[in-house]
C-alpha atoms as a PDB file:
ATOM      1  CA  MET A   1     -10.691   5.580  -6.280  1.00  0.00           C
ATOM      2  CA  ILE A   2     -10.356   1.845  -5.636  1.00  0.00           C
ATOM      3  CA  VAL A   3      -7.955   1.573  -8.594  1.00  0.00           C
ATOM      4  CA  LEU A   4      -5.745   4.335  -7.188  1.00  0.00           C
ATOM      5  CA  CYS A   5      -5.668   2.705  -3.743  1.00  0.00           C
ATOM      6  CA  SER A   6      -4.710  -0.639  -5.282  1.00  0.00           C
ATOM      7  CA  LEU A   7      -2.086   1.056  -7.430  1.00  0.00           C
ATOM      8  CA  SER A   8      -0.501   2.884  -4.510  1.00  0.00           C
ATOM      9  CA  LYS A   9      -0.496  -0.242  -2.307  1.00  0.00           C
ATOM     10  CA  GLY A  10       1.115  -2.235  -5.106  1.00  0.00           C
ATOM     11  CA  ILE A  11       3.850   0.346  -5.552  1.00  0.00           C
ATOM     12  CA  GLU A  12       4.383   0.715  -1.803  1.00  0.00           C
ATOM     13  CA  ASN A  13       4.857  -3.046  -1.419  1.00  0.00           C
ATOM     14  CA  ALA A  14       7.005  -3.502  -4.532  1.00  0.00           C
ATOM     15  CA  ALA A  15      10.733  -4.025  -4.402  1.00  0.00           C
ATOM     16  CA  VAL A  16      10.954  -3.067  -8.073  1.00  0.00           C
ATOM     17  CA  VAL A  17       8.484  -1.877 -10.713  1.00  0.00           C
ATOM     18  CA  CYS A  18       8.545  -3.424 -14.184  1.00  0.00           C
ATOM     19  CA  CYS A  19       6.733  -1.517 -16.889  1.00  0.00           C
ATOM     20  CA  PHE A  20       6.014  -3.246 -20.172  1.00  0.00           C
ATOM     21  CA  LEU A  21       5.965  -0.473 -22.714  1.00  0.00           C
ATOM     22  CA  ILE A  22       3.529  -0.451 -25.599  1.00  0.00           C
ATOM     23  CA  PRO A  23       1.761   2.572 -27.115  1.00  0.00           C
ATOM     24  CA  GLN A  24      -1.395   1.860 -25.093  1.00  0.00           C
ATOM     25  CA  TYR A  25       0.609   1.893 -21.844  1.00  0.00           C
ATOM     26  CA  GLU A  26       1.956   5.351 -22.604  1.00  0.00           C
ATOM     27  CA  GLN A  27      -1.504   6.643 -23.471  1.00  0.00           C
ATOM     28  CA  SER A  28      -3.064   5.350 -20.246  1.00  0.00           C
ATOM     29  CA  SER A  29      -3.484   7.959 -17.519  1.00  0.00           C
ATOM     30  CA  ILE A  30      -3.471   5.195 -14.880  1.00  0.00           C
ATOM     31  CA  CYS A  31      -0.165   3.829 -16.166  1.00  0.00           C
ATOM     32  CA  ARG A  32       1.279   7.339 -16.122  1.00  0.00           C
ATOM     33  CA  LEU A  33       0.195   7.744 -12.489  1.00  0.00           C
ATOM     34  CA  GLU A  34       1.686   4.366 -11.636  1.00  0.00           C
ATOM     35  CA  LEU A  35       5.076   5.166 -13.117  1.00  0.00           C
ATOM     36  CA  ARG A  36       5.199   8.661 -11.622  1.00  0.00           C
ATOM     37  CA  TYR A  37       4.252   7.282  -8.202  1.00  0.00           C
ATOM     38  CA  ALA A  38       6.962   4.622  -8.453  1.00  0.00           C
ATOM     39  CA  GLN A  39       9.457   7.385  -9.262  1.00  0.00           C
ATOM     40  CA  LYS A  40       8.208   9.512  -6.355  1.00  0.00           C
ATOM     41  CA  ARG A  41       8.564   6.565  -3.976  1.00  0.00           C
ATOM     42  CA  ARG A  42      12.078   5.959  -5.360  1.00  0.00           C
ATOM     43  CA  LYS A  43      11.321   2.434  -6.502  1.00  0.00           C
ATOM     44  CA  PRO A  44      13.716   0.937  -9.038  1.00  0.00           C
ATOM     45  CA  ILE A  45      12.008   0.896 -12.442  1.00  0.00           C
ATOM     46  CA  ILE A  46      12.784  -1.659 -15.128  1.00  0.00           C
ATOM     47  CA  ALA A  47      11.434  -0.770 -18.550  1.00  0.00           C
ATOM     48  CA  CYS A  48      10.671  -3.552 -21.006  1.00  0.00           C
ATOM     49  CA  LEU A  49       9.944  -2.527 -24.572  1.00  0.00           C
ATOM     50  CA  LEU A  50       7.404  -4.773 -26.254  1.00  0.00           C
ATOM     51  CA  GLY A  51       6.894  -2.721 -29.403  1.00  0.00           C
ATOM     52  CA  ASP A  52       9.160  -2.543 -32.425  1.00  0.00           C
ATOM     53  CA  PRO A  53      11.611   0.353 -31.797  1.00  0.00           C
ATOM     54  CA  GLN A  54      11.787   0.954 -35.551  1.00  0.00           C
ATOM     55  CA  VAL A  55       8.037   1.679 -35.654  1.00  0.00           C
ATOM     56  CA  TRP A  56       7.285   3.165 -32.230  1.00  0.00           C
ATOM     57  CA  LYS A  57       9.438   5.438 -30.083  1.00  0.00           C
ATOM     58  CA  ILE A  58       9.141   5.802 -26.315  1.00  0.00           C
ATOM     59  CA  SER A  59       7.489   9.080 -25.358  1.00  0.00           C
ATOM     60  CA  GLU A  60       9.350  11.873 -23.578  1.00  0.00           C
ATOM     61  CA  TRP A  61       7.359  11.544 -20.335  1.00  0.00           C
ATOM     62  CA  VAL A  62       8.434   7.897 -20.027  1.00  0.00           C
ATOM     63  CA  LYS A  63      12.057   8.739 -20.864  1.00  0.00           C
ATOM     64  CA  THR A  64      11.998  11.403 -18.152  1.00  0.00           C
ATOM     65  CA  ILE A  65      10.934   8.851 -15.548  1.00  0.00           C
ATOM     66  CA  ILE A  66      13.083   5.889 -16.551  1.00  0.00           C
ATOM     67  CA  GLY A  67      16.090   8.127 -17.124  1.00  0.00           C
ATOM     68  CA  SER A  68      19.140   6.667 -18.757  1.00  0.00           C
ATOM     69  CA  ALA A  69      18.266   3.083 -17.854  1.00  0.00           C
ATOM     70  CA  GLU A  70      18.513   0.799 -20.841  1.00  0.00           C
ATOM     71  CA  CYS A  71      15.214  -0.767 -21.892  1.00  0.00           C
ATOM     72  CA  ILE A  72      15.028  -4.501 -22.299  1.00  0.00           C
ATOM     73  CA  HIS A  73      13.849  -5.134 -25.864  1.00  0.00           C
ATOM     74  CA  MET A  74      11.555  -8.087 -25.287  1.00  0.00           C
ATOM     75  CA  GLN A  75      10.823  -8.756 -28.958  1.00  0.00           C
ATOM     76  CA  ASP A  76      14.425  -9.856 -29.496  1.00  0.00           C
ATOM     77  CA  ASP A  77      15.793 -13.132 -28.093  1.00  0.00           C
ATOM     78  CA  ALA A  78      13.088 -14.008 -25.572  1.00  0.00           C
ATOM     79  CA  GLU A  79      15.145 -16.350 -23.407  1.00  0.00           C
ATOM     80  CA  SER A  80      18.111 -14.026 -22.930  1.00  0.00           C
ATOM     81  CA  ASN A  81      15.780 -11.074 -22.346  1.00  0.00           C
ATOM     82  CA  ALA A  82      13.888 -13.010 -19.689  1.00  0.00           C
ATOM     83  CA  ASP A  83      17.233 -13.822 -18.049  1.00  0.00           C
ATOM     84  CA  GLU A  84      18.224 -10.132 -18.192  1.00  0.00           C
ATOM     85  CA  LEU A  85      14.903  -9.144 -16.603  1.00  0.00           C
ATOM     86  CA  VAL A  86      15.408 -11.636 -13.774  1.00  0.00           C
ATOM     87  CA  ASP A  87      18.988 -10.414 -13.258  1.00  0.00           C
ATOM     88  CA  ARG A  88      17.837  -6.793 -12.998  1.00  0.00           C
ATOM     89  CA  ILE A  89      15.064  -7.700 -10.577  1.00  0.00           C
ATOM     90  CA  GLU A  90      17.497  -9.540  -8.335  1.00  0.00           C
END
């Protein structure tokens, strides 16, 4: 229960939610709750893909939440991806 309260307070106070996608994130029920709650609260969501897109594909439930937003592929050029992340947050 404490985790859920912390999660909801974090989302409520967030200007934007960044999710860093790896297979373990998608398999986590807490992460699923977090992303769904961010969607429900209409928080902007920025998805960052940490896994290799040739090996691992984003699951349908994540695609449903992030919509057509382009993921930032963090394993590529780290500096330009960090700049892109900052630009999207701003």
